[in-house]
C-alpha atoms as a PDB file:
ATOM      1  CA  MET A   1      71.066 111.147  75.779  1.00  0.00           C
ATOM      2  CA  VAL A   2      73.959 108.730  75.529  1.00  0.00           C
ATOM      3  CA  PRO A   3      76.392 109.321  72.681  1.00  0.00           C
ATOM      4  CA  GLN A   4      76.301 106.336  70.245  1.00  0.00           C
ATOM      5  CA  GLU A   5      79.991 105.686  70.622  1.00  0.00           C
ATOM      6  CA  ASP A   6      79.505 105.255  74.346  1.00  0.00           C
ATOM      7  CA  GLU A   7      76.486 102.987  74.340  1.00  0.00           C
ATOM      8  CA  ALA A   8      78.486  99.771  74.886  1.00  0.00           C
ATOM      9  CA  LYS A   9      80.290 101.320  77.827  1.00  0.00           C
ATOM     10  CA  TYR A  10      77.060 102.378  79.405  1.00  0.00           C
ATOM     11  CA  ARG A  11      75.622  98.853  78.948  1.00  0.00           C
ATOM     12  CA  GLU A  12      78.755  97.364  80.431  1.00  0.00           C
ATOM     13  CA  ALA A  13      78.571  99.789  83.383  1.00  0.00           C
ATOM     14  CA  GLY A  14      74.894  98.829  83.937  1.00  0.00           C
ATOM     15  CA  THR A  15      75.807  95.192  83.863  1.00  0.00           C
ATOM     16  CA  LEU A  16      78.586  95.738  86.366  1.00  0.00           C
ATOM     17  CA  ILE A  17      76.233  97.673  88.699  1.00  0.00           C
ATOM     18  CA  ASN A  18      73.533  94.958  88.482  1.00  0.00           C
ATOM     19  CA  GLU A  19      76.020  92.159  89.108  1.00  0.00           C
ATOM     20  CA  ARG A  20      77.410  93.964  92.152  1.00  0.00           C
ATOM     21  CA  LEU A  21      73.930  94.734  93.456  1.00  0.00           C
ATOM     22  CA  ASN A  22      72.816  91.166  93.045  1.00  0.00           C
ATOM     23  CA  THR A  23      75.897  89.931  94.895  1.00  0.00           C
ATOM     24  CA  TYR A  24      75.247  92.126  97.838  1.00  0.00           C
ATOM     25  CA  PHE A  25      71.447  91.509  97.841  1.00  0.00           C
ATOM     26  CA  ASN A  26      72.022  87.748  97.836  1.00  0.00           C
ATOM     27  CA  TYR A  27      74.552  87.998 100.663  1.00  0.00           C
ATOM     28  CA  TYR A  28      72.689  90.534 102.835  1.00  0.00           C
ATOM     29  CA  LYS A  29      69.040  89.951 101.747  1.00  0.00           C
ATOM     30  CA  ASP A  30      67.537  89.727 105.217  1.00  0.00           C
ATOM     31  CA  ALA A  31      70.258  91.359 107.242  1.00  0.00           C
ATOM     32  CA  LYS A  32      70.565  94.844 105.743  1.00  0.00           C
ATOM     33  CA  SER A  33      68.184  97.450 104.298  1.00  0.00           C
ATOM     34  CA  ASN A  34      68.071  98.092 100.517  1.00  0.00           C
ATOM     35  CA  LYS A  35      69.666 101.509 101.121  1.00  0.00           C
ATOM     36  CA  GLU A  36      72.662  99.901 102.846  1.00  0.00           C
ATOM     37  CA  ILE A  37      73.090  97.375 100.105  1.00  0.00           C
ATOM     38  CA  TYR A  38      73.086 100.107  97.460  1.00  0.00           C
ATOM     39  CA  PHE A  39      75.771 101.951  99.477  1.00  0.00           C
ATOM     40  CA  TYR A  40      77.854  98.788  99.713  1.00  0.00           C
ATOM     41  CA  ALA A  41      77.695  98.299  95.996  1.00  0.00           C
ATOM     42  CA  MET A  42      78.567 101.897  95.308  1.00  0.00           C
ATOM     43  CA  ILE A  43      81.562 101.709  97.661  1.00  0.00           C
ATOM     44  CA  ASP A  44      82.742  98.446  96.117  1.00  0.00           C
ATOM     45  CA  ILE A  45      82.556  99.959  92.582  1.00  0.00           C
ATOM     46  CA  ALA A  46      84.283 103.138  93.667  1.00  0.00           C
ATOM     47  CA  LEU A  47      87.123 101.206  95.290  1.00  0.00           C
ATOM     48  CA  LYS A  48      87.594  99.139  92.113  1.00  0.00           C
ATOM     49  CA  TYR A  49      87.756 102.403  90.137  1.00  0.00           C
ATOM     50  CA  ILE A  50      90.262 103.880  92.551  1.00  0.00           C
ATOM     51  CA  ASN A  51      92.486 100.811  92.561  1.00  0.00           C
ATOM     52  CA  GLU A  52      92.388 100.580  88.778  1.00  0.00           C
ATOM     53  CA  SER A  53      93.260 104.279  88.269  1.00  0.00           C
ATOM     54  CA  LYS A  54      96.216 103.987  90.666  1.00  0.00           C
ATOM     55  CA  ARG A  55      97.381 100.801  88.861  1.00  0.00           C
ATOM     56  CA  ASN A  56      97.456 102.757  85.633  1.00  0.00           C
ATOM     57  CA  ASP A  57      99.107 105.862  87.028  1.00  0.00           C
ATOM     58  CA  THR A  58     102.220 106.353  84.851  1.00  0.00           C
ATOM     59  CA  LYS A  59     103.479 109.612  86.406  1.00  0.00           C
ATOM     60  CA  PRO A  60     105.919 108.003  88.845  1.00  0.00           C
ATOM     61  CA  ILE A  61     107.362 105.856  86.071  1.00  0.00           C
ATOM     62  CA  ILE A  62     107.693 108.870  83.741  1.00  0.00           C
ATOM     63  CA  ASN A  63     109.426 110.858  86.519  1.00  0.00           C
ATOM     64  CA  ILE A  64     111.892 107.986  87.129  1.00  0.00           C
ATOM     65  CA  LEU A  65     112.668 107.724  83.383  1.00  0.00           C
ATOM     66  CA  GLU A  66     113.145 111.510  83.081  1.00  0.00           C
ATOM     67  CA  GLU A  67     115.605 111.340  86.012  1.00  0.00           C
ATOM     68  CA  LEU A  68     117.488 108.402  84.449  1.00  0.00           C
ATOM     69  CA  ASN A  69     117.596 110.230  81.126  1.00  0.00           C
ATOM     70  CA  LYS A  70     119.161 113.285  82.820  1.00  0.00           C
ATOM     71  CA  GLU A  71     121.766 111.160  84.532  1.00  0.00           C
ATOM     72  CA  ILE A  72     122.607 109.430  81.256  1.00  0.00           C
ATOM     73  CA  GLU A  73     122.962 112.688  79.444  1.00  0.00           C
ATOM     74  CA  GLU A  74     125.179 114.142  82.165  1.00  0.00           C
ATOM     75  CA  SER A  75     127.408 111.111  82.180  1.00  0.00           C
ATOM     76  CA  LEU A  76     127.841 111.317  78.381  1.00  0.00           C
ATOM     77  CA  LYS A  77     129.097 114.880  78.496  1.00  0.00           C
END
């Protein structure tokens, strides 16, 4: 069962999956098997997820800010 607060996200995810599958089915309809097309769509969605998660990775920025903060504190002593 899907939690009520996540229903919109599930619908949006379903739409994304359907759009991606339709794109690949239209492009490869007679050239690839359905199984291959499903795999292409899954890989495409996974790559989008990976790229987005790396784009939002704030750890390197936080580390740089912490180092700068240390340097500033040292210079003010």
